[in-house]
Amino acid sequence: MLGEEVTVMQNAYIVTGTLTDERTVTLDEALSLPLTKVRLIVEPIATPAHRSHMEVMEEIRKRQRARGHKPRTREEVDASLQEERDSWDE
């Protein structure tokens, strides 16, 4: 860094992307910058483990229970459907 001119960073962009080979990063969104040399700091992001449909649904149900969500009963759903169907004739 000796001999390099140090300038103050005016704008910084934080954008995620994918390292596609040893020298290429494909950004997830475009930057509104002119074509110029940029400084890049690379921080690997851990990708979440793949979860099955059943695991995702169980997580959703667990969060619903935690916040006190009570799903509609079969009778409530049937009544709502019948009410909707009855409105079609009007």
C-alpha atoms as a PDB file:
ATOM      1  CA  MET A   1       0.000   0.000   0.000  1.00  0.00           C
ATOM      2  CA  LEU A   2       3.022   2.282   0.178  1.00  0.00           C
ATOM      3  CA  GLY A   3       2.959   4.815  -2.593  1.00  0.00           C
ATOM      4  CA  GLU A   4      -0.765   4.333  -3.260  1.00  0.00           C
ATOM      5  CA  GLU A   5      -3.002   7.345  -3.117  1.00  0.00           C
ATOM      6  CA  VAL A   6      -5.634   6.891  -0.417  1.00  0.00           C
ATOM      7  CA  THR A   7      -9.062   8.301  -1.182  1.00  0.00           C
ATOM      8  CA  VAL A   8     -12.183   8.488   0.932  1.00  0.00           C
ATOM      9  CA  MET A   9     -14.913   6.083  -0.101  1.00  0.00           C
ATOM     10  CA  GLN A  10     -17.905   8.159  -1.168  1.00  0.00           C
ATOM     11  CA  ASN A  11     -20.389   5.365  -1.873  1.00  0.00           C
ATOM     12  CA  ALA A  12     -20.286   1.778  -0.758  1.00  0.00           C
ATOM     13  CA  TYR A  13     -22.537  -0.957  -2.103  1.00  0.00           C
ATOM     14  CA  ILE A  14     -23.304  -4.202  -0.334  1.00  0.00           C
ATOM     15  CA  VAL A  15     -24.503  -6.754  -2.840  1.00  0.00           C
ATOM     16  CA  THR A  16     -24.551 -10.524  -2.727  1.00  0.00           C
ATOM     17  CA  GLY A  17     -23.382 -12.642  -5.598  1.00  0.00           C
ATOM     18  CA  THR A  18     -22.061 -16.021  -6.606  1.00  0.00           C
ATOM     19  CA  LEU A  19     -18.453 -16.938  -7.190  1.00  0.00           C
ATOM     20  CA  THR A  20     -18.671 -18.778 -10.521  1.00  0.00           C
ATOM     21  CA  ASP A  21     -14.968 -19.555 -10.883  1.00  0.00           C
ATOM     22  CA  GLU A  22     -11.713 -18.498  -9.239  1.00  0.00           C
ATOM     23  CA  ARG A  23     -11.896 -14.989 -10.771  1.00  0.00           C
ATOM     24  CA  THR A  24     -15.544 -14.243 -11.566  1.00  0.00           C
ATOM     25  CA  VAL A  25     -18.361 -13.029  -9.315  1.00  0.00           C
ATOM     26  CA  THR A  26     -21.888 -12.753 -10.704  1.00  0.00           C
ATOM     27  CA  LEU A  27     -23.793 -10.139  -8.704  1.00  0.00           C
ATOM     28  CA  ASP A  28     -27.406 -10.734  -7.694  1.00  0.00           C
ATOM     29  CA  GLU A  29     -28.328  -7.201  -8.745  1.00  0.00           C
ATOM     30  CA  ALA A  30     -26.888  -4.567 -11.025  1.00  0.00           C
ATOM     31  CA  LEU A  31     -24.924  -1.633  -9.649  1.00  0.00           C
ATOM     32  CA  SER A  32     -25.475   1.891 -10.883  1.00  0.00           C
ATOM     33  CA  LEU A  33     -21.795   2.538 -11.441  1.00  0.00           C
ATOM     34  CA  PRO A  34     -19.843   3.380 -14.569  1.00  0.00           C
ATOM     35  CA  LEU A  35     -17.566   0.657 -15.873  1.00  0.00           C
ATOM     36  CA  THR A  36     -14.545   1.216 -13.664  1.00  0.00           C
ATOM     37  CA  LYS A  37     -12.172  -0.610 -11.385  1.00  0.00           C
ATOM     38  CA  VAL A  38     -13.671  -1.428  -7.969  1.00  0.00           C
ATOM     39  CA  ARG A  39     -12.478  -2.849  -4.679  1.00  0.00           C
ATOM     40  CA  LEU A  40     -14.145  -6.109  -3.708  1.00  0.00           C
ATOM     41  CA  ILE A  41     -14.200  -7.661  -0.252  1.00  0.00           C
ATOM     42  CA  VAL A  42     -15.326 -11.288  -0.379  1.00  0.00           C
ATOM     43  CA  GLU A  43     -17.149 -12.811   2.582  1.00  0.00           C
ATOM     44  CA  PRO A  44     -18.473 -16.340   2.072  1.00  0.00           C
ATOM     45  CA  ILE A  45     -22.131 -16.757   3.018  1.00  0.00           C
ATOM     46  CA  ALA A  46     -23.188 -20.112   4.381  1.00  0.00           C
ATOM     47  CA  THR A  47     -26.074 -21.491   2.385  1.00  0.00           C
ATOM     48  CA  PRO A  48     -28.901 -22.968   4.432  1.00  0.00           C
ATOM     49  CA  ALA A  49     -29.229 -26.721   4.370  1.00  0.00           C
ATOM     50  CA  HIS A  50     -31.949 -28.065   2.091  1.00  0.00           C
ATOM     51  CA  ARG A  51     -35.059 -28.933   4.079  1.00  0.00           C
ATOM     52  CA  SER A  52     -37.826 -31.227   3.010  1.00  0.00           C
ATOM     53  CA  HIS A  53     -41.396 -30.046   2.501  1.00  0.00           C
ATOM     54  CA  MET A  54     -42.418 -31.774   5.722  1.00  0.00           C
ATOM     55  CA  GLU A  55     -39.646 -30.056   7.705  1.00  0.00           C
ATOM     56  CA  VAL A  56     -40.713 -26.637   6.399  1.00  0.00           C
ATOM     57  CA  MET A  57     -44.379 -27.313   7.184  1.00  0.00           C
ATOM     58  CA  GLU A  58     -43.510 -28.470  10.711  1.00  0.00           C
ATOM     59  CA  GLU A  59     -41.495 -25.276  11.266  1.00  0.00           C
ATOM     60  CA  ILE A  60     -44.468 -23.180  10.099  1.00  0.00           C
ATOM     61  CA  ARG A  61     -46.840 -25.058  12.420  1.00  0.00           C
ATOM     62  CA  LYS A  62     -44.401 -24.706  15.329  1.00  0.00           C
ATOM     63  CA  ARG A  63     -44.252 -20.915  14.845  1.00  0.00           C
ATOM     64  CA  GLN A  64     -48.039 -20.740  14.555  1.00  0.00           C
ATOM     65  CA  ARG A  65     -48.460 -22.642  17.833  1.00  0.00           C
ATOM     66  CA  ALA A  66     -45.892 -20.383  19.530  1.00  0.00           C
ATOM     67  CA  ARG A  67     -47.888 -17.263  18.632  1.00  0.00           C
ATOM     68  CA  GLY A  68     -51.211 -18.849  19.629  1.00  0.00           C
ATOM     69  CA  HIS A  69     -52.623 -19.332  16.133  1.00  0.00           C
ATOM     70  CA  LYS A  70     -55.745 -21.467  16.091  1.00  0.00           C
ATOM     71  CA  PRO A  71     -56.645 -22.848  12.658  1.00  0.00           C
ATOM     72  CA  ARG A  72     -60.261 -22.792  11.549  1.00  0.00           C
ATOM     73  CA  THR A  73     -62.275 -25.906  12.237  1.00  0.00           C
ATOM     74  CA  ARG A  74     -63.609 -28.046   9.418  1.00  0.00           C
ATOM     75  CA  GLU A  75     -67.073 -26.707  10.162  1.00  0.00           C
ATOM     76  CA  GLU A  76     -65.859 -23.089   9.882  1.00  0.00           C
ATOM     77  CA  VAL A  77     -64.166 -23.811   6.556  1.00  0.00           C
ATOM     78  CA  ASP A  78     -67.249 -25.614   5.216  1.00  0.00           C
ATOM     79  CA  ALA A  79     -69.512 -22.746   6.300  1.00  0.00           C
ATOM     80  CA  SER A  80     -67.218 -20.195   4.640  1.00  0.00           C
ATOM     81  CA  LEU A  81     -67.169 -22.200   1.410  1.00  0.00           C
ATOM     82  CA  GLN A  82     -70.948 -22.545   1.429  1.00  0.00           C
ATOM     83  CA  GLU A  83     -71.373 -18.823   2.063  1.00  0.00           C
ATOM     84  CA  GLU A  84     -69.108 -18.082  -0.916  1.00  0.00           C
ATOM     85  CA  ARG A  85     -70.996 -20.512  -3.145  1.00  0.00           C
ATOM     86  CA  ASP A  86     -74.334 -19.047  -2.094  1.00  0.00           C
ATOM     87  CA  SER A  87     -73.132 -15.572  -3.116  1.00  0.00           C
ATOM     88  CA  TRP A  88     -72.566 -16.744  -6.705  1.00  0.00           C
ATOM     89  CA  ASP A  89     -76.293 -16.825  -7.412  1.00  0.00           C
ATOM     90  CA  GLU A  90     -76.822 -13.210  -6.378  1.00  0.00           C
END
